[in-house]
Amino acid sequence: MLDTRHFDIPRFLGVLPLFSDLAPPELERLAEGCHLRRVERGDMVFRMGEPCDSFHVVVTGQVKLFVLSPTGQEKVIELIAPGHSFAEALMFLGKPYVVNAQTLADSLLLTVHRHAVMDELQRDPRFALRMLAGLSRRLHGLVHDVQAYALQNGVQRVIGYLLRDQAPGEGTSGEVLTVSLPVSKATLASRLSLTPEYFSRVLRELEEARLIEVDRRDIRILDVQRLAAYQT
């Protein structure tokens, strides 16, 4: 377990894309407006409708952002991995949280309070540009998701997810690549706007086509090029 008593918050902030251009004195000032907290698996980080006066960074563990339908059905909006932040835009707007956040594993979170960010924005315009760039990347990712949901069928979404981290040309020499699902299949299905049953059916279809092998959460991609070109 990570010893938070000796955790170097300024150093951690300095390796995050949002803050990597800041000088040590600036990181020290920002760190004064941060605090670490441990959150057990399954605990809520925040709930929809609660006031948002900070944003959060996952140090270890994983967090899901989700909403609930009127019937109680859960829709996963985003999965937040270590080194990534969430809730920045809402913090600037001064609006309540519009999603729920829950840990998927025992997690260590760094909370960055609004007053610390606003003070630094007033001191250094470069910091504002970094924050804008980070928010733009998040928006680009959400737009990409909307396009995928509107233009791709379920099989294409699953294939796109499995190949999302593959560099161009990777897997072309015949080696088997393994993708480890970071969450349960049901959670990932919700993230892709699919039912768990349909998600499992797609995996079986790809297995029967000898494109993948499924071993619990490990998906072995047997032929990257054939999988990328697969059509239903």
C-alpha atoms as a PDB file:
ATOM      1  CA  MET A   1       0.000   0.000   0.000  1.00  0.00           C
ATOM      2  CA  LEU A   2       1.280   3.448  -0.927  1.00  0.00           C
ATOM      3  CA  ASP A   3       2.441   5.433   2.128  1.00  0.00           C
ATOM      4  CA  THR A   4       0.551   8.711   1.861  1.00  0.00           C
ATOM      5  CA  ARG A   5       2.578  10.275   4.686  1.00  0.00           C
ATOM      6  CA  HIS A   6       5.545  10.598   2.355  1.00  0.00           C
ATOM      7  CA  PHE A   7       3.626  11.119  -0.889  1.00  0.00           C
ATOM      8  CA  ASP A   8       5.154  13.990  -2.863  1.00  0.00           C
ATOM      9  CA  ILE A   9       2.108  15.885  -4.135  1.00  0.00           C
ATOM     10  CA  PRO A  10       4.038  18.604  -6.059  1.00  0.00           C
ATOM     11  CA  ARG A  11       6.090  15.967  -7.866  1.00  0.00           C
ATOM     12  CA  PHE A  12       2.963  13.977  -8.743  1.00  0.00           C
ATOM     13  CA  LEU A  13       1.253  17.110 -10.060  1.00  0.00           C
ATOM     14  CA  GLY A  14       4.309  17.861 -12.198  1.00  0.00           C
ATOM     15  CA  VAL A  15       3.973  14.640 -14.214  1.00  0.00           C
ATOM     16  CA  LEU A  16       0.296  15.246 -15.034  1.00  0.00           C
ATOM     17  CA  PRO A  17      -0.345  16.773 -18.489  1.00  0.00           C
ATOM     18  CA  LEU A  18      -2.402  19.588 -16.969  1.00  0.00           C
ATOM     19  CA  PHE A  19       0.452  20.786 -14.785  1.00  0.00           C
ATOM     20  CA  SER A  20       3.650  19.631 -16.496  1.00  0.00           C
ATOM     21  CA  ASP A  21       4.642  23.192 -17.556  1.00  0.00           C
ATOM     22  CA  LEU A  22       4.502  24.585 -14.031  1.00  0.00           C
ATOM     23  CA  ALA A  23       7.692  25.493 -12.184  1.00  0.00           C
ATOM     24  CA  PRO A  24       8.434  23.988  -8.746  1.00  0.00           C
ATOM     25  CA  PRO A  25       7.215  27.069  -6.809  1.00  0.00           C
ATOM     26  CA  GLU A  26       3.922  26.974  -8.738  1.00  0.00           C
ATOM     27  CA  LEU A  27       3.499  23.261  -8.046  1.00  0.00           C
ATOM     28  CA  GLU A  28       4.145  23.883  -4.353  1.00  0.00           C
ATOM     29  CA  ARG A  29       1.437  26.543  -4.254  1.00  0.00           C
ATOM     30  CA  LEU A  30      -1.024  24.301  -6.079  1.00  0.00           C
ATOM     31  CA  ALA A  31      -0.236  21.381  -3.767  1.00  0.00           C
ATOM     32  CA  GLU A  32      -1.339  23.465  -0.779  1.00  0.00           C
ATOM     33  CA  GLY A  33      -4.866  23.336  -2.205  1.00  0.00           C
ATOM     34  CA  CYS A  34      -4.867  19.538  -2.629  1.00  0.00           C
ATOM     35  CA  HIS A  35      -5.477  16.606  -0.362  1.00  0.00           C
ATOM     36  CA  LEU A  36      -5.206  12.830  -0.649  1.00  0.00           C
ATOM     37  CA  ARG A  37      -7.893  10.400   0.369  1.00  0.00           C
ATOM     38  CA  ARG A  38      -8.306   6.659   0.275  1.00  0.00           C
ATOM     39  CA  VAL A  39     -11.601   5.337  -1.053  1.00  0.00           C
ATOM     40  CA  GLU A  40     -12.574   1.687  -0.745  1.00  0.00           C
ATOM     41  CA  ARG A  41     -13.890  -0.311  -3.668  1.00  0.00           C
ATOM     42  CA  GLY A  42     -17.552   0.417  -4.337  1.00  0.00           C
ATOM     43  CA  ASP A  43     -17.635   3.672  -2.380  1.00  0.00           C
ATOM     44  CA  MET A  44     -19.043   6.825  -3.937  1.00  0.00           C
ATOM     45  CA  VAL A  45     -16.618   9.660  -4.678  1.00  0.00           C
ATOM     46  CA  PHE A  46     -19.544  12.009  -5.319  1.00  0.00           C
ATOM     47  CA  ARG A  47     -23.181  11.861  -6.351  1.00  0.00           C
ATOM     48  CA  MET A  48     -25.149  13.687  -8.992  1.00  0.00           C
ATOM     49  CA  GLY A  49     -26.501  16.968  -7.648  1.00  0.00           C
ATOM     50  CA  GLU A  50     -23.816  17.502  -5.011  1.00  0.00           C
ATOM     51  CA  PRO A  51     -21.886  20.803  -5.198  1.00  0.00           C
ATOM     52  CA  CYS A  52     -18.670  20.667  -7.222  1.00  0.00           C
ATOM     53  CA  ASP A  53     -15.861  22.767  -5.750  1.00  0.00           C
ATOM     54  CA  SER A  54     -12.909  20.606  -6.813  1.00  0.00           C
ATOM     55  CA  PHE A  55     -11.731  18.092  -9.354  1.00  0.00           C
ATOM     56  CA  HIS A  56     -10.019  14.779  -8.779  1.00  0.00           C
ATOM     57  CA  VAL A  57      -7.059  12.760 -10.045  1.00  0.00           C
ATOM     58  CA  VAL A  58      -6.772   8.983  -9.721  1.00  0.00           C
ATOM     59  CA  VAL A  59      -3.402   8.113  -8.173  1.00  0.00           C
ATOM     60  CA  THR A  60      -4.085   4.387  -7.837  1.00  0.00           C
ATOM     61  CA  GLY A  61      -7.206   2.339  -8.504  1.00  0.00           C
ATOM     62  CA  GLN A  62     -10.016   3.143 -10.907  1.00  0.00           C
ATOM     63  CA  VAL A  63     -13.197   5.234 -10.942  1.00  0.00           C
ATOM     64  CA  LYS A  64     -16.300   4.986 -13.103  1.00  0.00           C
ATOM     65  CA  LEU A  65     -18.518   7.917 -13.982  1.00  0.00           C
ATOM     66  CA  PHE A  66     -22.121   6.921 -14.533  1.00  0.00           C
ATOM     67  CA  VAL A  67     -25.747   8.035 -14.584  1.00  0.00           C
ATOM     68  CA  LEU A  68     -28.925   6.197 -13.677  1.00  0.00           C
ATOM     69  CA  SER A  69     -32.058   6.054 -15.809  1.00  0.00           C
ATOM     70  CA  PRO A  70     -35.489   6.648 -14.216  1.00  0.00           C
ATOM     71  CA  THR A  71     -35.833   2.855 -14.038  1.00  0.00           C
ATOM     72  CA  GLY A  72     -32.515   2.525 -12.201  1.00  0.00           C
ATOM     73  CA  GLN A  73     -30.487   1.215 -15.159  1.00  0.00           C
ATOM     74  CA  GLU A  74     -26.846   2.249 -15.013  1.00  0.00           C
ATOM     75  CA  LYS A  75     -25.037   3.852 -17.973  1.00  0.00           C
ATOM     76  CA  VAL A  76     -21.262   4.121 -17.642  1.00  0.00           C
ATOM     77  CA  ILE A  77     -20.023   7.410 -19.108  1.00  0.00           C
ATOM     78  CA  GLU A  78     -16.301   7.057 -18.577  1.00  0.00           C
ATOM     79  CA  LEU A  79     -13.696   4.898 -16.839  1.00  0.00           C
ATOM     80  CA  ILE A  80     -10.919   6.884 -15.140  1.00  0.00           C
ATOM     81  CA  ALA A  81      -7.527   5.180 -14.848  1.00  0.00           C
ATOM     82  CA  PRO A  82      -4.498   6.205 -12.734  1.00  0.00           C
ATOM     83  CA  GLY A  83      -2.939   9.488 -13.825  1.00  0.00           C
ATOM     84  CA  HIS A  84      -6.196  10.820 -15.242  1.00  0.00           C
ATOM     85  CA  SER A  85      -8.456  13.536 -13.863  1.00  0.00           C
ATOM     86  CA  PHE A  86     -12.194  14.132 -13.856  1.00  0.00           C
ATOM     87  CA  ALA A  87     -14.775  16.852 -13.061  1.00  0.00           C
ATOM     88  CA  GLU A  88     -12.577  19.780 -14.167  1.00  0.00           C
ATOM     89  CA  ALA A  89     -15.199  21.410 -16.409  1.00  0.00           C
ATOM     90  CA  LEU A  90     -17.944  21.325 -13.784  1.00  0.00           C
ATOM     91  CA  MET A  91     -15.602  22.867 -11.244  1.00  0.00           C
ATOM     92  CA  PHE A  92     -15.111  25.904 -13.497  1.00  0.00           C
ATOM     93  CA  LEU A  93     -18.827  26.243 -14.171  1.00  0.00           C
ATOM     94  CA  GLY A  94     -19.708  26.208 -10.503  1.00  0.00           C
ATOM     95  CA  LYS A  95     -22.444  23.687 -11.273  1.00  0.00           C
ATOM     96  CA  PRO A  96     -23.400  20.602  -9.259  1.00  0.00           C
ATOM     97  CA  TYR A  97     -22.096  17.240 -10.387  1.00  0.00           C
ATOM     98  CA  VAL A  98     -24.118  15.904 -13.332  1.00  0.00           C
ATOM     99  CA  VAL A  99     -22.843  12.329 -12.987  1.00  0.00           C
ATOM    100  CA  ASN A 100     -22.040   9.894 -10.197  1.00  0.00           C
ATOM    101  CA  ALA A 101     -18.490   8.729  -9.471  1.00  0.00           C
ATOM    102  CA  GLN A 102     -17.753   5.373  -7.822  1.00  0.00           C
ATOM    103  CA  THR A 103     -14.541   3.439  -7.283  1.00  0.00           C
ATOM    104  CA  LEU A 104     -14.132   0.094  -9.031  1.00  0.00           C
ATOM    105  CA  ALA A 105     -11.162  -0.833  -6.821  1.00  0.00           C
ATOM    106  CA  ASP A 106      -9.550   0.392  -3.625  1.00  0.00           C
ATOM    107  CA  SER A 107      -8.302   3.781  -4.776  1.00  0.00           C
ATOM    108  CA  LEU A 108      -6.130   6.707  -3.780  1.00  0.00           C
ATOM    109  CA  LEU A 109      -7.488  10.010  -5.084  1.00  0.00           C
ATOM    110  CA  LEU A 110      -5.944  13.460  -5.162  1.00  0.00           C
ATOM    111  CA  THR A 111      -8.541  16.212  -4.808  1.00  0.00           C
ATOM    112  CA  VAL A 112      -7.590  19.618  -6.250  1.00  0.00           C
ATOM    113  CA  HIS A 113      -9.683  22.431  -4.817  1.00  0.00           C
ATOM    114  CA  ARG A 114     -11.134  25.173  -6.978  1.00  0.00           C
ATOM    115  CA  HIS A 115      -9.587  28.077  -5.076  1.00  0.00           C
ATOM    116  CA  ALA A 116      -6.063  26.731  -5.676  1.00  0.00           C
ATOM    117  CA  VAL A 117      -6.671  26.388  -9.409  1.00  0.00           C
ATOM    118  CA  MET A 118      -8.282  29.835  -9.731  1.00  0.00           C
ATOM    119  CA  ASP A 119      -5.404  31.496  -7.862  1.00  0.00           C
ATOM    120  CA  GLU A 120      -2.887  29.908 -10.233  1.00  0.00           C
ATOM    121  CA  LEU A 121      -4.928  30.848 -13.303  1.00  0.00           C
ATOM    122  CA  GLN A 122      -4.730  34.486 -12.266  1.00  0.00           C
ATOM    123  CA  ARG A 123      -0.971  34.258 -11.779  1.00  0.00           C
ATOM    124  CA  ASP A 124      -0.014  32.496 -15.028  1.00  0.00           C
ATOM    125  CA  PRO A 125      -1.874  32.547 -18.405  1.00  0.00           C
ATOM    126  CA  ARG A 126       0.131  29.483 -19.494  1.00  0.00           C
ATOM    127  CA  PHE A 127      -1.677  27.501 -16.850  1.00  0.00           C
ATOM    128  CA  ALA A 128      -4.999  28.520 -18.388  1.00  0.00           C
ATOM    129  CA  LEU A 129      -3.833  27.224 -21.767  1.00  0.00           C
ATOM    130  CA  ARG A 130      -2.881  23.864 -20.238  1.00  0.00           C
ATOM    131  CA  MET A 131      -6.265  23.550 -18.592  1.00  0.00           C
ATOM    132  CA  LEU A 132      -7.999  24.424 -21.867  1.00  0.00           C
ATOM    133  CA  ALA A 133      -5.940  21.805 -23.710  1.00  0.00           C
ATOM    134  CA  GLY A 134      -6.886  19.150 -21.156  1.00  0.00           C
ATOM    135  CA  LEU A 135     -10.576  19.995 -21.358  1.00  0.00           C
ATOM    136  CA  SER A 136     -10.392  19.980 -25.160  1.00  0.00           C
ATOM    137  CA  ARG A 137      -8.921  16.470 -25.146  1.00  0.00           C
ATOM    138  CA  ARG A 138     -11.778  15.309 -22.913  1.00  0.00           C
ATOM    139  CA  LEU A 139     -14.340  16.924 -25.245  1.00  0.00           C
ATOM    140  CA  HIS A 140     -12.699  15.330 -28.291  1.00  0.00           C
ATOM    141  CA  GLY A 141     -12.970  11.927 -26.642  1.00  0.00           C
ATOM    142  CA  LEU A 142     -16.650  12.420 -25.867  1.00  0.00           C
ATOM    143  CA  VAL A 143     -17.371  13.534 -29.445  1.00  0.00           C
ATOM    144  CA  HIS A 144     -15.565  10.441 -30.708  1.00  0.00           C
ATOM    145  CA  ASP A 145     -17.770   8.285 -28.470  1.00  0.00           C
ATOM    146  CA  VAL A 146     -20.944   9.922 -29.783  1.00  0.00           C
ATOM    147  CA  GLN A 147     -19.794   9.329 -33.368  1.00  0.00           C
ATOM    148  CA  ALA A 148     -19.056   5.681 -32.635  1.00  0.00           C
ATOM    149  CA  TYR A 149     -22.447   5.110 -31.008  1.00  0.00           C
ATOM    150  CA  ALA A 150     -24.251   6.807 -33.915  1.00  0.00           C
ATOM    151  CA  LEU A 151     -22.295   5.351 -36.843  1.00  0.00           C
ATOM    152  CA  GLN A 152     -20.963   1.971 -35.683  1.00  0.00           C
ATOM    153  CA  ASN A 153     -22.795  -1.231 -34.887  1.00  0.00           C
ATOM    154  CA  GLY A 154     -22.088  -3.184 -31.719  1.00  0.00           C
ATOM    155  CA  VAL A 155     -19.471  -5.460 -33.266  1.00  0.00           C
ATOM    156  CA  GLN A 156     -17.538  -2.488 -34.617  1.00  0.00           C
ATOM    157  CA  ARG A 157     -17.602  -0.812 -31.189  1.00  0.00           C
ATOM    158  CA  VAL A 158     -16.174  -3.908 -29.495  1.00  0.00           C
ATOM    159  CA  ILE A 159     -13.468  -4.289 -32.137  1.00  0.00           C
ATOM    160  CA  GLY A 160     -12.643  -0.595 -31.875  1.00  0.00           C
ATOM    161  CA  TYR A 161     -12.229  -0.937 -28.118  1.00  0.00           C
ATOM    162  CA  LEU A 162      -9.978  -4.003 -28.412  1.00  0.00           C
ATOM    163  CA  LEU A 163      -7.745  -2.251 -30.947  1.00  0.00           C
ATOM    164  CA  ARG A 164      -7.824   1.231 -29.393  1.00  0.00           C
ATOM    165  CA  ASP A 165      -4.265   1.085 -28.008  1.00  0.00           C
ATOM    166  CA  GLN A 166      -2.640  -0.705 -30.931  1.00  0.00           C
ATOM    167  CA  ALA A 167      -0.051   1.384 -32.743  1.00  0.00           C
ATOM    168  CA  PRO A 168      -0.077   1.389 -36.576  1.00  0.00           C
ATOM    169  CA  GLY A 169       1.666  -1.729 -37.820  1.00  0.00           C
ATOM    170  CA  GLU A 170       1.551  -3.490 -34.457  1.00  0.00           C
ATOM    171  CA  GLY A 171       0.527  -7.111 -34.657  1.00  0.00           C
ATOM    172  CA  THR A 172       1.229  -7.392 -38.379  1.00  0.00           C
ATOM    173  CA  SER A 173       3.965 -10.005 -37.965  1.00  0.00           C
ATOM    174  CA  GLY A 174       1.602 -12.644 -36.653  1.00  0.00           C
ATOM    175  CA  GLU A 175       2.245 -12.296 -32.924  1.00  0.00           C
ATOM    176  CA  VAL A 176      -0.646 -12.733 -30.542  1.00  0.00           C
ATOM    177  CA  LEU A 177      -1.587  -9.558 -28.643  1.00  0.00           C
ATOM    178  CA  THR A 178      -3.348  -9.674 -25.293  1.00  0.00           C
ATOM    179  CA  VAL A 179      -5.815  -7.057 -24.092  1.00  0.00           C
ATOM    180  CA  SER A 180      -6.723  -7.244 -20.404  1.00  0.00           C
ATOM    181  CA  LEU A 181     -10.134  -5.794 -19.678  1.00  0.00           C
ATOM    182  CA  PRO A 182      -9.723  -3.304 -16.806  1.00  0.00           C
ATOM    183  CA  VAL A 183     -13.283  -3.805 -15.554  1.00  0.00           C
ATOM    184  CA  SER A 184     -16.007  -6.422 -15.638  1.00  0.00           C
ATOM    185  CA  LYS A 185     -17.601  -7.260 -18.968  1.00  0.00           C
ATOM    186  CA  ALA A 186     -20.914  -5.823 -17.753  1.00  0.00           C
ATOM    187  CA  THR A 187     -19.284  -2.478 -16.906  1.00  0.00           C
ATOM    188  CA  LEU A 188     -17.431  -2.360 -20.204  1.00  0.00           C
ATOM    189  CA  ALA A 189     -20.626  -3.224 -22.082  1.00  0.00           C
ATOM    190  CA  SER A 190     -22.341  -0.253 -20.441  1.00  0.00           C
ATOM    191  CA  ARG A 191     -19.410   1.974 -21.412  1.00  0.00           C
ATOM    192  CA  LEU A 192     -19.902   0.904 -25.050  1.00  0.00           C
ATOM    193  CA  SER A 193     -23.694   1.371 -24.825  1.00  0.00           C
ATOM    194  CA  LEU A 194     -24.321  -2.359 -25.233  1.00  0.00           C
ATOM    195  CA  THR A 195     -26.179  -4.859 -23.101  1.00  0.00           C
ATOM    196  CA  PRO A 196     -23.991  -7.414 -21.274  1.00  0.00           C
ATOM    197  CA  GLU A 197     -25.699 -10.214 -23.225  1.00  0.00           C
ATOM    198  CA  TYR A 198     -24.947  -8.589 -26.575  1.00  0.00           C
ATOM    199  CA  PHE A 199     -21.341  -7.872 -25.562  1.00  0.00           C
ATOM    200  CA  SER A 200     -20.816 -11.545 -24.652  1.00  0.00           C
ATOM    201  CA  ARG A 201     -22.454 -12.595 -27.924  1.00  0.00           C
ATOM    202  CA  VAL A 202     -20.033 -10.416 -29.912  1.00  0.00           C
ATOM    203  CA  LEU A 203     -17.051 -11.965 -28.114  1.00  0.00           C
ATOM    204  CA  ARG A 204     -18.360 -15.452 -28.936  1.00  0.00           C
ATOM    205  CA  GLU A 205     -18.810 -14.466 -32.577  1.00  0.00           C
ATOM    206  CA  LEU A 206     -15.236 -13.186 -32.789  1.00  0.00           C
ATOM    207  CA  GLU A 207     -13.988 -16.369 -31.091  1.00  0.00           C
ATOM    208  CA  GLU A 208     -15.856 -18.562 -33.559  1.00  0.00           C
ATOM    209  CA  ALA A 209     -14.270 -16.573 -36.397  1.00  0.00           C
ATOM    210  CA  ARG A 210     -10.822 -17.434 -34.888  1.00  0.00           C
ATOM    211  CA  LEU A 211     -10.018 -13.750 -34.419  1.00  0.00           C
ATOM    212  CA  ILE A 212      -9.731 -13.771 -30.624  1.00  0.00           C
ATOM    213  CA  GLU A 213      -9.526 -16.103 -27.643  1.00  0.00           C
ATOM    214  CA  VAL A 214     -11.247 -15.157 -24.389  1.00  0.00           C
ATOM    215  CA  ASP A 215      -9.766 -16.182 -21.034  1.00  0.00           C
ATOM    216  CA  ARG A 216     -11.859 -14.403 -18.407  1.00  0.00           C
ATOM    217  CA  ARG A 217     -10.722 -10.756 -18.636  1.00  0.00           C
ATOM    218  CA  ASP A 218      -7.806 -11.501 -21.005  1.00  0.00           C
ATOM    219  CA  ILE A 219      -8.630 -11.205 -24.705  1.00  0.00           C
ATOM    220  CA  ARG A 220      -5.948 -12.636 -26.995  1.00  0.00           C
ATOM    221  CA  ILE A 221      -6.062 -11.079 -30.457  1.00  0.00           C
ATOM    222  CA  LEU A 222      -4.942 -13.771 -32.877  1.00  0.00           C
ATOM    223  CA  ASP A 223      -4.816 -11.617 -36.025  1.00  0.00           C
ATOM    224  CA  VAL A 224      -4.927  -7.834 -35.682  1.00  0.00           C
ATOM    225  CA  GLN A 225      -5.370  -7.146 -39.411  1.00  0.00           C
ATOM    226  CA  ARG A 226      -8.211  -9.638 -39.827  1.00  0.00           C
ATOM    227  CA  LEU A 227      -9.910  -8.340 -36.695  1.00  0.00           C
ATOM    228  CA  ALA A 228      -9.660  -4.721 -37.879  1.00  0.00           C
ATOM    229  CA  ALA A 229     -11.130  -5.692 -41.253  1.00  0.00           C
ATOM    230  CA  TYR A 230     -13.874  -7.934 -39.856  1.00  0.00           C
ATOM    231  CA  GLN A 231     -17.372  -7.100 -41.112  1.00  0.00           C
ATOM    232  CA  THR A 232     -20.660  -8.488 -39.907  1.00  0.00           C
END
